[in-house]
Amino acid sequence: MSKTSLQYQVEKQGGSFAEASIPYPAPGPNEICIRTKAVALNPLDWKNRAFGVTVKSWPAVLGIDAAGAVDSVGESVKGFKPGDEILCLGGMDNQGATFQEIITIPSHQVALKPASLTFEEAASLPICYLTAATTISVGLHVPLPHLDSTGSSSLKFILVLGGSSNVGAAAIQLLRLALPSANILTTSSAEHHAHLISLGATKCFDRSAQEDTTSIKAATPGDSGVDAILDAVTAAATQPAVFTALNPKGPKIYSQAVTGQNVEVPEGVESTAIFGQQIFGTKGGMNAMPGLANLVQSGKYKLPTKVEVLGKGFDTIEQGLNKLMKGVSGTKYVVSL
């Protein structure tokens, strides 16, 4: 019998999951095949299952975050060998999506796993870090020193909406590394404020400040307002009053991580909608994944939020996505495989 690999497929839009056997994958010249040990669950996963947001055809394999071990490498791949423990960003197709036994992805989406992290912790990191990095470097025009040591930014007051989300907590850390003297303001529920301060936030506000921005503006010189808003959770879609936090005489920049919600941006505000994969097209961006591993290894980047392991095995993924649909705060769900 020929060797096979297991995929955990969604049969149709809104359908159930089922295991399916496929021919055992082999990498292309610049690809790596990875045996998954842990996968993280993201809102995009349940949205794809329910609505097919980025699905091109069914049955579909979902999942965009994983950690595991290198199974095989393409002939042009350098720096990886079978057995290496890694973390990775999965692909957006059935060969690269992470809810399966063996995934096949380009080598630039892979990094060696820091020894200090478990597979489950490592799996929680990639897409939120990449999205945060892109909202900063592309959306706010702030160079990230671990990827691009050239360039500078004049931003002094930045408001991060949804600081306790995985993207928000990642963004706070990366902003602090990029702009050591900047004032990083953020919104979240009060229970997360101490944690966000420890990650680099200057001051935290309750989410109600997104409706009445008086307290946010009071934290800026002359109550003038912030230079830029980084929206990790598309808060402005339902709370457009948050745009009043922007300094009318400032650069008025709004960078949003795409969640599928539409935001009506006021006239005169520079707005950029961000996907995490865009980082690979920026200066130094092809080193984004090893850059993440180096930041973790050096202690400059911490787990953005608490990691909760829901269980082990493919069946746990469906249960976990149903739980994720109901909402979660300050926690990243992960499944061991």
C-alpha atoms as a PDB file:
ATOM      1  CA  MET A   1       0.000   0.000   0.000  1.00  0.00           C
ATOM      2  CA  SER A   2       1.148   3.557  -0.722  1.00  0.00           C
ATOM      3  CA  LYS A   3       1.841   5.811   2.227  1.00  0.00           C
ATOM      4  CA  THR A   4      -0.943   8.254   3.207  1.00  0.00           C
ATOM      5  CA  SER A   5      -1.528  11.238   5.504  1.00  0.00           C
ATOM      6  CA  LEU A   6      -4.651  12.373   7.394  1.00  0.00           C
ATOM      7  CA  GLN A   7      -6.534  15.610   6.838  1.00  0.00           C
ATOM      8  CA  TYR A   8      -9.328  16.959   9.042  1.00  0.00           C
ATOM      9  CA  GLN A   9     -11.667  18.337   6.390  1.00  0.00           C
ATOM     10  CA  VAL A  10     -14.855  20.395   6.453  1.00  0.00           C
ATOM     11  CA  GLU A  11     -17.056  18.722   3.864  1.00  0.00           C
ATOM     12  CA  LYS A  12     -19.081  21.801   2.866  1.00  0.00           C
ATOM     13  CA  GLN A  13     -19.879  25.329   4.038  1.00  0.00           C
ATOM     14  CA  GLY A  14     -21.445  25.051   7.478  1.00  0.00           C
ATOM     15  CA  GLY A  15     -20.778  21.312   7.438  1.00  0.00           C
ATOM     16  CA  SER A  16     -19.161  18.933   9.878  1.00  0.00           C
ATOM     17  CA  PHE A  17     -15.548  17.803  10.053  1.00  0.00           C
ATOM     18  CA  ALA A  18     -14.363  14.396   8.869  1.00  0.00           C
ATOM     19  CA  GLU A  19     -10.982  12.701   8.612  1.00  0.00           C
ATOM     20  CA  ALA A  20      -9.763  11.908   5.103  1.00  0.00           C
ATOM     21  CA  SER A  21      -6.684  10.074   3.829  1.00  0.00           C
ATOM     22  CA  ILE A  22      -4.596  11.694   1.106  1.00  0.00           C
ATOM     23  CA  PRO A  23      -1.383  10.671  -0.679  1.00  0.00           C
ATOM     24  CA  TYR A  24       1.652  11.348   1.507  1.00  0.00           C
ATOM     25  CA  PRO A  25       2.934  14.825   0.586  1.00  0.00           C
ATOM     26  CA  ALA A  26       6.370  15.663  -0.792  1.00  0.00           C
ATOM     27  CA  PRO A  27       7.841  19.188  -0.663  1.00  0.00           C
ATOM     28  CA  GLY A  28       8.636  21.363  -3.666  1.00  0.00           C
ATOM     29  CA  PRO A  29      12.136  22.862  -3.991  1.00  0.00           C
ATOM     30  CA  ASN A  30      11.489  25.728  -1.524  1.00  0.00           C
ATOM     31  CA  GLU A  31       8.948  23.968   0.668  1.00  0.00           C
ATOM     32  CA  ILE A  32       8.970  22.138   3.971  1.00  0.00           C
ATOM     33  CA  CYS A  33       6.681  19.282   5.032  1.00  0.00           C
ATOM     34  CA  ILE A  34       5.849  19.467   8.730  1.00  0.00           C
ATOM     35  CA  ARG A  35       4.275  16.895  11.041  1.00  0.00           C
ATOM     36  CA  THR A  36       1.942  18.885  13.289  1.00  0.00           C
ATOM     37  CA  LYS A  37       2.183  18.495  17.062  1.00  0.00           C
ATOM     38  CA  ALA A  38      -0.145  21.361  18.074  1.00  0.00           C
ATOM     39  CA  VAL A  39      -2.479  23.790  16.310  1.00  0.00           C
ATOM     40  CA  ALA A  40      -4.025  27.056  17.478  1.00  0.00           C
ATOM     41  CA  LEU A  41      -7.626  28.036  16.847  1.00  0.00           C
ATOM     42  CA  ASN A  42      -8.400  31.442  15.330  1.00  0.00           C
ATOM     43  CA  PRO A  43     -11.634  33.318  14.554  1.00  0.00           C
ATOM     44  CA  LEU A  44     -10.885  32.921  10.835  1.00  0.00           C
ATOM     45  CA  ASP A  45     -11.244  29.156  11.262  1.00  0.00           C
ATOM     46  CA  TRP A  46     -14.840  29.215  12.461  1.00  0.00           C
ATOM     47  CA  LYS A  47     -15.683  32.001  10.007  1.00  0.00           C
ATOM     48  CA  ASN A  48     -14.311  29.888   7.156  1.00  0.00           C
ATOM     49  CA  ARG A  49     -16.308  26.889   8.305  1.00  0.00           C
ATOM     50  CA  ALA A  50     -19.526  28.913   8.624  1.00  0.00           C
ATOM     51  CA  PHE A  51     -19.175  31.327   5.696  1.00  0.00           C
ATOM     52  CA  GLY A  52     -16.268  30.137   3.537  1.00  0.00           C
ATOM     53  CA  VAL A  53     -14.592  33.537   3.893  1.00  0.00           C
ATOM     54  CA  THR A  54     -11.315  32.510   2.219  1.00  0.00           C
ATOM     55  CA  VAL A  55     -12.245  28.983   1.088  1.00  0.00           C
ATOM     56  CA  LYS A  56     -11.790  28.395  -2.648  1.00  0.00           C
ATOM     57  CA  SER A  57     -13.371  24.931  -2.830  1.00  0.00           C
ATOM     58  CA  TRP A  58     -14.887  22.202  -0.647  1.00  0.00           C
ATOM     59  CA  PRO A  59     -14.028  19.941   1.104  1.00  0.00           C
ATOM     60  CA  ALA A  60     -11.592  22.298   2.802  1.00  0.00           C
ATOM     61  CA  VAL A  61      -8.815  22.025   5.365  1.00  0.00           C
ATOM     62  CA  LEU A  62      -8.699  24.924   7.823  1.00  0.00           C
ATOM     63  CA  GLY A  63      -6.143  26.196  10.336  1.00  0.00           C
ATOM     64  CA  ILE A  64      -3.362  28.809  10.089  1.00  0.00           C
ATOM     65  CA  ASP A  65      -1.140  28.330  13.184  1.00  0.00           C
ATOM     66  CA  ALA A  66       0.913  25.251  14.064  1.00  0.00           C
ATOM     67  CA  ALA A  67       4.002  23.847  15.679  1.00  0.00           C
ATOM     68  CA  GLY A  68       5.581  20.487  15.030  1.00  0.00           C
ATOM     69  CA  ALA A  69       8.594  18.724  13.565  1.00  0.00           C
ATOM     70  CA  VAL A  70      10.119  18.895  10.093  1.00  0.00           C
ATOM     71  CA  ASP A  71       9.217  15.773   8.117  1.00  0.00           C
ATOM     72  CA  SER A  72      11.097  16.569   4.890  1.00  0.00           C
ATOM     73  CA  VAL A  73      12.607  19.569   3.102  1.00  0.00           C
ATOM     74  CA  GLY A  74      12.845  20.664  -0.515  1.00  0.00           C
ATOM     75  CA  GLU A  75      16.166  20.605  -2.312  1.00  0.00           C
ATOM     76  CA  SER A  76      16.642  24.388  -2.140  1.00  0.00           C
ATOM     77  CA  VAL A  77      15.753  24.783   1.544  1.00  0.00           C
ATOM     78  CA  LYS A  78      18.538  25.866   3.870  1.00  0.00           C
ATOM     79  CA  GLY A  79      18.607  25.892   7.663  1.00  0.00           C
ATOM     80  CA  PHE A  80      16.088  23.090   8.301  1.00  0.00           C
ATOM     81  CA  LYS A  81      16.397  19.319   8.455  1.00  0.00           C
ATOM     82  CA  PRO A  82      14.052  16.427   9.287  1.00  0.00           C
ATOM     83  CA  GLY A  83      13.351  16.262  13.012  1.00  0.00           C
ATOM     84  CA  ASP A  84      13.814  19.975  13.696  1.00  0.00           C
ATOM     85  CA  GLU A  85      11.165  21.363  16.045  1.00  0.00           C
ATOM     86  CA  ILE A  86       9.439  24.363  14.468  1.00  0.00           C
ATOM     87  CA  LEU A  87       6.564  26.832  14.598  1.00  0.00           C
ATOM     88  CA  CYS A  88       4.876  28.040  11.441  1.00  0.00           C
ATOM     89  CA  LEU A  89       2.203  29.995   9.655  1.00  0.00           C
ATOM     90  CA  GLY A  90       0.058  27.596   7.686  1.00  0.00           C
ATOM     91  CA  GLY A  91      -1.105  28.097   4.125  1.00  0.00           C
ATOM     92  CA  MET A  92      -4.490  29.135   2.778  1.00  0.00           C
ATOM     93  CA  ASP A  93      -4.980  25.957   0.733  1.00  0.00           C
ATOM     94  CA  ASN A  94      -5.536  22.297   1.549  1.00  0.00           C
ATOM     95  CA  GLN A  95      -1.866  21.357   1.404  1.00  0.00           C
ATOM     96  CA  GLY A  96      -0.775  24.145   3.747  1.00  0.00           C
ATOM     97  CA  ALA A  97      -3.675  24.543   6.180  1.00  0.00           C
ATOM     98  CA  THR A  98      -2.774  23.224   9.616  1.00  0.00           C
ATOM     99  CA  PHE A  99      -5.656  20.942  10.637  1.00  0.00           C
ATOM    100  CA  GLN A 100      -3.937  17.844   9.267  1.00  0.00           C
ATOM    101  CA  GLU A 101      -1.151  15.388   9.952  1.00  0.00           C
ATOM    102  CA  ILE A 102       1.417  16.742   7.461  1.00  0.00           C
ATOM    103  CA  ILE A 103       1.389  20.292   6.087  1.00  0.00           C
ATOM    104  CA  THR A 104       3.427  21.590   3.150  1.00  0.00           C
ATOM    105  CA  ILE A 105       4.372  25.283   3.134  1.00  0.00           C
ATOM    106  CA  PRO A 106       7.078  27.670   1.837  1.00  0.00           C
ATOM    107  CA  SER A 107      10.164  27.734   4.033  1.00  0.00           C
ATOM    108  CA  HIS A 108       9.851  31.466   4.853  1.00  0.00           C
ATOM    109  CA  GLN A 109       6.703  30.672   6.860  1.00  0.00           C
ATOM    110  CA  VAL A 110       8.693  28.458   9.238  1.00  0.00           C
ATOM    111  CA  ALA A 111      11.035  29.144  12.162  1.00  0.00           C
ATOM    112  CA  LEU A 112      12.917  26.916  14.570  1.00  0.00           C
ATOM    113  CA  LYS A 113      10.975  26.608  17.828  1.00  0.00           C
ATOM    114  CA  PRO A 114      12.626  28.298  20.806  1.00  0.00           C
ATOM    115  CA  ALA A 115      13.549  25.640  23.347  1.00  0.00           C
ATOM    116  CA  SER A 116      11.773  27.597  26.072  1.00  0.00           C
ATOM    117  CA  LEU A 117       8.358  27.042  24.440  1.00  0.00           C
ATOM    118  CA  THR A 118       6.169  23.963  24.395  1.00  0.00           C
ATOM    119  CA  PHE A 119       4.647  22.979  21.048  1.00  0.00           C
ATOM    120  CA  GLU A 120       1.321  24.328  22.294  1.00  0.00           C
ATOM    121  CA  GLU A 121       2.793  27.704  23.268  1.00  0.00           C
ATOM    122  CA  ALA A 122       4.672  27.956  19.979  1.00  0.00           C
ATOM    123  CA  ALA A 123       1.537  27.194  17.956  1.00  0.00           C
ATOM    124  CA  SER A 124      -0.250  30.133  19.599  1.00  0.00           C
ATOM    125  CA  LEU A 125       2.115  32.749  18.186  1.00  0.00           C
ATOM    126  CA  PRO A 126       2.478  33.059  14.383  1.00  0.00           C
ATOM    127  CA  ILE A 127      -0.573  34.730  12.818  1.00  0.00           C
ATOM    128  CA  CYS A 128      -1.198  37.182  15.672  1.00  0.00           C
ATOM    129  CA  TYR A 129       2.453  38.270  15.695  1.00  0.00           C
ATOM    130  CA  LEU A 130       2.493  38.605  11.896  1.00  0.00           C
ATOM    131  CA  THR A 131      -0.763  40.562  11.866  1.00  0.00           C
ATOM    132  CA  ALA A 132       0.447  42.871  14.630  1.00  0.00           C
ATOM    133  CA  ALA A 133       3.755  43.386  12.824  1.00  0.00           C
ATOM    134  CA  THR A 134       1.931  44.312   9.622  1.00  0.00           C
ATOM    135  CA  THR A 135      -0.499  46.722  11.301  1.00  0.00           C
ATOM    136  CA  ILE A 136       2.560  48.535  12.651  1.00  0.00           C
ATOM    137  CA  SER A 137       4.981  48.466   9.711  1.00  0.00           C
ATOM    138  CA  VAL A 138       2.448  48.807   6.871  1.00  0.00           C
ATOM    139  CA  GLY A 139      -0.515  50.484   8.566  1.00  0.00           C
ATOM    140  CA  LEU A 140       1.304  52.887  10.906  1.00  0.00           C
ATOM    141  CA  HIS A 141       4.513  53.200   8.805  1.00  0.00           C
ATOM    142  CA  VAL A 142       6.625  52.352  11.848  1.00  0.00           C
ATOM    143  CA  PRO A 143       9.715  50.237  11.010  1.00  0.00           C
ATOM    144  CA  LEU A 144      10.224  47.189  13.223  1.00  0.00           C
ATOM    145  CA  PRO A 145      13.882  47.188  14.320  1.00  0.00           C
ATOM    146  CA  HIS A 146      14.202  43.394  14.361  1.00  0.00           C
ATOM    147  CA  LEU A 147      13.256  43.319  10.648  1.00  0.00           C
ATOM    148  CA  ASP A 148      14.301  46.742   9.329  1.00  0.00           C
ATOM    149  CA  SER A 149      16.859  48.761  11.271  1.00  0.00           C
ATOM    150  CA  THR A 150      16.542  51.742   8.918  1.00  0.00           C
ATOM    151  CA  GLY A 151      13.869  54.401   8.975  1.00  0.00           C
ATOM    152  CA  SER A 152      12.102  56.166  11.806  1.00  0.00           C
ATOM    153  CA  SER A 153       8.700  57.346  12.971  1.00  0.00           C
ATOM    154  CA  SER A 154       7.463  60.559  14.563  1.00  0.00           C
ATOM    155  CA  LEU A 155       4.402  58.955  16.211  1.00  0.00           C
ATOM    156  CA  LYS A 156       4.282  59.767  19.918  1.00  0.00           C
ATOM    157  CA  PHE A 157       0.769  58.787  21.021  1.00  0.00           C
ATOM    158  CA  ILE A 158      -0.772  55.557  19.714  1.00  0.00           C
ATOM    159  CA  LEU A 159      -4.077  54.014  20.766  1.00  0.00           C
ATOM    160  CA  VAL A 160      -4.389  50.222  20.512  1.00  0.00           C
ATOM    161  CA  LEU A 161      -8.016  49.051  20.480  1.00  0.00           C
ATOM    162  CA  GLY A 162      -8.517  45.556  21.875  1.00  0.00           C
ATOM    163  CA  GLY A 163      -5.258  45.351  23.785  1.00  0.00           C
ATOM    164  CA  SER A 164      -6.167  42.053  25.466  1.00  0.00           C
ATOM    165  CA  SER A 165      -6.748  40.307  22.138  1.00  0.00           C
ATOM    166  CA  ASN A 166      -3.896  38.222  20.777  1.00  0.00           C
ATOM    167  CA  VAL A 167      -3.161  40.750  18.022  1.00  0.00           C
ATOM    168  CA  GLY A 168      -3.518  43.691  20.398  1.00  0.00           C
ATOM    169  CA  ALA A 169      -1.179  42.260  23.034  1.00  0.00           C
ATOM    170  CA  ALA A 170       1.326  41.360  20.316  1.00  0.00           C
ATOM    171  CA  ALA A 171       1.121  44.885  18.876  1.00  0.00           C
ATOM    172  CA  ILE A 172       1.783  46.498  22.263  1.00  0.00           C
ATOM    173  CA  GLN A 173       5.020  44.539  22.598  1.00  0.00           C
ATOM    174  CA  LEU A 174       6.208  45.263  19.056  1.00  0.00           C
ATOM    175  CA  LEU A 175       5.333  48.959  19.347  1.00  0.00           C
ATOM    176  CA  ARG A 176       7.328  49.213  22.561  1.00  0.00           C
ATOM    177  CA  LEU A 177      10.355  47.636  20.846  1.00  0.00           C
ATOM    178  CA  ALA A 178       9.998  49.952  17.850  1.00  0.00           C
ATOM    179  CA  LEU A 179       9.182  53.158  19.751  1.00  0.00           C
ATOM    180  CA  PRO A 180      10.754  52.958  23.227  1.00  0.00           C
ATOM    181  CA  SER A 181       9.629  56.457  24.257  1.00  0.00           C
ATOM    182  CA  ALA A 182       6.147  56.454  22.690  1.00  0.00           C
ATOM    183  CA  ASN A 183       2.968  56.631  24.737  1.00  0.00           C
ATOM    184  CA  ILE A 184       1.048  53.423  24.012  1.00  0.00           C
ATOM    185  CA  LEU A 185      -2.552  53.723  25.183  1.00  0.00           C
ATOM    186  CA  THR A 186      -4.909  50.758  25.001  1.00  0.00           C
ATOM    187  CA  THR A 187      -8.458  49.646  25.705  1.00  0.00           C
ATOM    188  CA  SER A 188      -9.522  46.394  27.349  1.00  0.00           C
ATOM    189  CA  SER A 189     -11.546  45.106  30.268  1.00  0.00           C
ATOM    190  CA  ALA A 190      -9.993  46.034  33.615  1.00  0.00           C
ATOM    191  CA  GLU A 191      -8.920  42.485  34.452  1.00  0.00           C
ATOM    192  CA  HIS A 192      -6.262  42.636  31.711  1.00  0.00           C
ATOM    193  CA  HIS A 193      -4.787  46.062  32.506  1.00  0.00           C
ATOM    194  CA  ALA A 194      -1.890  44.887  34.689  1.00  0.00           C
ATOM    195  CA  HIS A 195      -0.827  42.334  32.081  1.00  0.00           C
ATOM    196  CA  LEU A 196      -0.900  44.914  29.267  1.00  0.00           C
ATOM    197  CA  ILE A 197       1.184  47.351  31.318  1.00  0.00           C
ATOM    198  CA  SER A 198       3.730  44.556  31.812  1.00  0.00           C
ATOM    199  CA  LEU A 199       3.889  44.084  28.024  1.00  0.00           C
ATOM    200  CA  GLY A 200       4.666  47.748  27.407  1.00  0.00           C
ATOM    201  CA  ALA A 201       1.425  49.746  27.483  1.00  0.00           C
ATOM    202  CA  THR A 202       1.706  53.212  29.017  1.00  0.00           C
ATOM    203  CA  LYS A 203      -1.892  53.496  30.170  1.00  0.00           C
ATOM    204  CA  CYS A 204      -5.021  51.343  29.919  1.00  0.00           C
ATOM    205  CA  PHE A 205      -8.647  52.375  29.575  1.00  0.00           C
ATOM    206  CA  ASP A 206     -11.908  50.515  29.896  1.00  0.00           C
ATOM    207  CA  ARG A 207     -13.564  49.649  26.609  1.00  0.00           C
ATOM    208  CA  SER A 208     -16.239  52.255  27.370  1.00  0.00           C
ATOM    209  CA  ALA A 209     -13.625  54.874  26.475  1.00  0.00           C
ATOM    210  CA  GLN A 210     -14.141  53.838  22.862  1.00  0.00           C
ATOM    211  CA  GLU A 211     -17.585  55.466  23.060  1.00  0.00           C
ATOM    212  CA  ASP A 212     -16.558  58.529  25.080  1.00  0.00           C
ATOM    213  CA  THR A 213     -12.921  59.339  24.320  1.00  0.00           C
ATOM    214  CA  THR A 214     -12.579  62.164  26.861  1.00  0.00           C
ATOM    215  CA  SER A 215     -10.337  60.128  29.179  1.00  0.00           C
ATOM    216  CA  ILE A 216      -8.123  59.005  26.298  1.00  0.00           C
ATOM    217  CA  LYS A 217      -7.608  62.562  25.054  1.00  0.00           C
ATOM    218  CA  ALA A 218      -6.910  63.676  28.629  1.00  0.00           C
ATOM    219  CA  ALA A 219      -3.815  61.430  28.548  1.00  0.00           C
ATOM    220  CA  THR A 220      -2.352  63.490  25.663  1.00  0.00           C
ATOM    221  CA  PRO A 221      -0.803  66.996  25.757  1.00  0.00           C
ATOM    222  CA  GLY A 222      -3.516  69.639  25.931  1.00  0.00           C
ATOM    223  CA  ASP A 223      -6.198  66.960  25.511  1.00  0.00           C
ATOM    224  CA  SER A 224      -5.276  67.069  21.811  1.00  0.00           C
ATOM    225  CA  GLY A 225      -5.721  63.385  21.028  1.00  0.00           C
ATOM    226  CA  VAL A 226      -3.599  60.543  19.660  1.00  0.00           C
ATOM    227  CA  ASP A 227      -1.560  60.453  16.461  1.00  0.00           C
ATOM    228  CA  ALA A 228      -2.738  57.020  15.377  1.00  0.00           C
ATOM    229  CA  ILE A 229      -5.133  54.173  16.150  1.00  0.00           C
ATOM    230  CA  LEU A 230      -4.258  50.508  15.764  1.00  0.00           C
ATOM    231  CA  ASP A 231      -7.507  48.538  15.791  1.00  0.00           C
ATOM    232  CA  ALA A 232      -6.824  44.884  16.622  1.00  0.00           C
ATOM    233  CA  VAL A 233     -10.495  43.884  16.889  1.00  0.00           C
ATOM    234  CA  THR A 234     -12.309  46.197  14.430  1.00  0.00           C
ATOM    235  CA  ALA A 235     -13.811  48.039  17.419  1.00  0.00           C
ATOM    236  CA  ALA A 236     -14.438  51.094  15.235  1.00  0.00           C
ATOM    237  CA  ALA A 237     -17.024  49.150  13.222  1.00  0.00           C
ATOM    238  CA  THR A 238     -19.471  49.287  16.131  1.00  0.00           C
ATOM    239  CA  GLN A 239     -17.967  52.226  18.063  1.00  0.00           C
ATOM    240  CA  PRO A 240     -17.132  54.850  15.427  1.00  0.00           C
ATOM    241  CA  ALA A 241     -16.956  57.523  18.134  1.00  0.00           C
ATOM    242  CA  VAL A 242     -13.457  56.231  18.855  1.00  0.00           C
ATOM    243  CA  PHE A 243     -12.198  58.256  15.882  1.00  0.00           C
ATOM    244  CA  THR A 244     -12.729  61.377  18.003  1.00  0.00           C
ATOM    245  CA  ALA A 245      -9.650  60.254  19.964  1.00  0.00           C
ATOM    246  CA  LEU A 246      -7.480  61.267  16.979  1.00  0.00           C
ATOM    247  CA  ASN A 247      -5.698  64.613  17.139  1.00  0.00           C
ATOM    248  CA  PRO A 248      -7.349  66.714  14.389  1.00  0.00           C
ATOM    249  CA  LYS A 249      -3.997  68.415  13.745  1.00  0.00           C
ATOM    250  CA  GLY A 250      -2.013  65.165  13.777  1.00  0.00           C
ATOM    251  CA  PRO A 251      -1.294  62.552  11.094  1.00  0.00           C
ATOM    252  CA  LYS A 252      -4.675  60.854  11.772  1.00  0.00           C
ATOM    253  CA  ILE A 253      -3.675  57.260  10.946  1.00  0.00           C
ATOM    254  CA  TYR A 254      -5.970  54.253  11.379  1.00  0.00           C
ATOM    255  CA  SER A 255      -4.563  50.729  10.923  1.00  0.00           C
ATOM    256  CA  GLN A 256      -7.005  47.841  11.258  1.00  0.00           C
ATOM    257  CA  ALA A 257      -6.535  44.094  11.377  1.00  0.00           C
ATOM    258  CA  VAL A 258      -9.138  42.689   8.997  1.00  0.00           C
ATOM    259  CA  THR A 259     -11.840  40.689  10.793  1.00  0.00           C
ATOM    260  CA  GLY A 260     -14.582  40.747   8.160  1.00  0.00           C
ATOM    261  CA  GLN A 261     -16.421  43.755   9.605  1.00  0.00           C
ATOM    262  CA  ASN A 262     -16.683  46.955   7.592  1.00  0.00           C
ATOM    263  CA  VAL A 263     -15.450  50.199   9.156  1.00  0.00           C
ATOM    264  CA  GLU A 264     -16.718  53.605   8.060  1.00  0.00           C
ATOM    265  CA  VAL A 265     -13.617  55.771   8.302  1.00  0.00           C
ATOM    266  CA  PRO A 266     -14.089  59.551   8.617  1.00  0.00           C
ATOM    267  CA  GLU A 267     -12.868  61.791   5.825  1.00  0.00           C
ATOM    268  CA  GLY A 268      -9.287  62.904   6.294  1.00  0.00           C
ATOM    269  CA  VAL A 269      -8.202  59.788   8.189  1.00  0.00           C
ATOM    270  CA  GLU A 270      -5.583  57.586   6.517  1.00  0.00           C
ATOM    271  CA  SER A 271      -6.878  54.027   6.751  1.00  0.00           C
ATOM    272  CA  THR A 272      -5.196  50.705   5.964  1.00  0.00           C
ATOM    273  CA  ALA A 273      -6.780  47.246   6.247  1.00  0.00           C
ATOM    274  CA  ILE A 274      -4.224  44.599   7.155  1.00  0.00           C
ATOM    275  CA  PHE A 275      -3.718  40.863   6.624  1.00  0.00           C
ATOM    276  CA  GLY A 276      -0.822  39.214   8.443  1.00  0.00           C
ATOM    277  CA  GLN A 277       0.698  37.645   5.330  1.00  0.00           C
ATOM    278  CA  GLN A 278       1.424  41.127   3.949  1.00  0.00           C
ATOM    279  CA  ILE A 279       4.487  41.344   6.199  1.00  0.00           C
ATOM    280  CA  PHE A 280       6.403  39.018   3.866  1.00  0.00           C
ATOM    281  CA  GLY A 281       6.294  41.696   1.147  1.00  0.00           C
ATOM    282  CA  THR A 282       7.841  44.419   3.325  1.00  0.00           C
ATOM    283  CA  LYS A 283      11.489  45.317   3.812  1.00  0.00           C
ATOM    284  CA  GLY A 284      13.024  42.544   5.904  1.00  0.00           C
ATOM    285  CA  GLY A 285       9.664  40.792   6.031  1.00  0.00           C
ATOM    286  CA  MET A 286      10.890  37.461   4.698  1.00  0.00           C
ATOM    287  CA  ASN A 287      12.739  37.157   8.020  1.00  0.00           C
ATOM    288  CA  ALA A 288       9.567  37.738  10.043  1.00  0.00           C
ATOM    289  CA  MET A 289       9.252  34.170  11.324  1.00  0.00           C
ATOM    290  CA  PRO A 290      12.887  33.652  12.396  1.00  0.00           C
ATOM    291  CA  GLY A 291      12.662  37.195  13.778  1.00  0.00           C
ATOM    292  CA  LEU A 292       9.807  36.076  16.019  1.00  0.00           C
ATOM    293  CA  ALA A 293      11.807  33.100  17.265  1.00  0.00           C
ATOM    294  CA  ASN A 294      14.789  35.350  18.024  1.00  0.00           C
ATOM    295  CA  LEU A 295      12.640  37.818  19.966  1.00  0.00           C
ATOM    296  CA  VAL A 296      11.199  35.001  22.072  1.00  0.00           C
ATOM    297  CA  GLN A 297      14.622  33.423  22.617  1.00  0.00           C
ATOM    298  CA  SER A 298      16.089  36.746  23.761  1.00  0.00           C
ATOM    299  CA  GLY A 299      13.191  37.428  26.145  1.00  0.00           C
ATOM    300  CA  LYS A 300      12.034  40.519  24.221  1.00  0.00           C
ATOM    301  CA  TYR A 301       8.677  38.999  23.223  1.00  0.00           C
ATOM    302  CA  LYS A 302       6.360  37.128  25.577  1.00  0.00           C
ATOM    303  CA  LEU A 303       3.266  35.058  24.990  1.00  0.00           C
ATOM    304  CA  PRO A 304       0.694  37.794  24.284  1.00  0.00           C
ATOM    305  CA  THR A 305      -2.107  36.027  26.126  1.00  0.00           C
ATOM    306  CA  LYS A 306      -2.755  32.950  28.216  1.00  0.00           C
ATOM    307  CA  VAL A 307      -2.640  29.673  26.262  1.00  0.00           C
ATOM    308  CA  GLU A 308      -5.390  27.163  27.046  1.00  0.00           C
ATOM    309  CA  VAL A 309      -4.923  23.620  25.746  1.00  0.00           C
ATOM    310  CA  LEU A 310      -8.407  22.249  25.076  1.00  0.00           C
ATOM    311  CA  GLY A 311      -7.389  18.637  24.610  1.00  0.00           C
ATOM    312  CA  LYS A 312      -5.748  16.279  22.146  1.00  0.00           C
ATOM    313  CA  GLY A 313      -6.790  14.977  18.747  1.00  0.00           C
ATOM    314  CA  PHE A 314      -8.632  16.186  15.650  1.00  0.00           C
ATOM    315  CA  ASP A 315     -12.055  15.812  17.293  1.00  0.00           C
ATOM    316  CA  THR A 316     -11.131  18.484  19.831  1.00  0.00           C
ATOM    317  CA  ILE A 317     -10.737  21.050  17.030  1.00  0.00           C
ATOM    318  CA  GLU A 318     -14.455  21.064  16.206  1.00  0.00           C
ATOM    319  CA  GLN A 319     -15.404  21.344  19.871  1.00  0.00           C
ATOM    320  CA  GLY A 320     -12.879  24.152  20.305  1.00  0.00           C
ATOM    321  CA  LEU A 321     -14.160  26.150  17.324  1.00  0.00           C
ATOM    322  CA  ASN A 322     -17.698  25.914  18.687  1.00  0.00           C
ATOM    323  CA  LYS A 323     -16.390  27.313  21.972  1.00  0.00           C
ATOM    324  CA  LEU A 324     -14.388  30.043  20.199  1.00  0.00           C
ATOM    325  CA  MET A 325     -17.512  31.191  18.311  1.00  0.00           C
ATOM    326  CA  LYS A 326     -19.078  32.159  21.630  1.00  0.00           C
ATOM    327  CA  GLY A 327     -16.219  34.570  22.350  1.00  0.00           C
ATOM    328  CA  VAL A 328     -13.083  34.547  24.469  1.00  0.00           C
ATOM    329  CA  SER A 329     -11.004  37.267  26.143  1.00  0.00           C
ATOM    330  CA  GLY A 330      -7.304  37.216  26.901  1.00  0.00           C
ATOM    331  CA  THR A 331      -6.887  33.555  25.970  1.00  0.00           C
ATOM    332  CA  LYS A 332      -5.648  31.584  22.958  1.00  0.00           C
ATOM    333  CA  TYR A 333      -7.143  28.143  22.400  1.00  0.00           C
ATOM    334  CA  VAL A 334      -4.763  25.387  21.298  1.00  0.00           C
ATOM    335  CA  VAL A 335      -5.219  21.685  20.492  1.00  0.00           C
ATOM    336  CA  SER A 336      -2.483  19.062  20.850  1.00  0.00           C
ATOM    337  CA  LEU A 337      -2.122  16.478  18.090  1.00  0.00           C
END
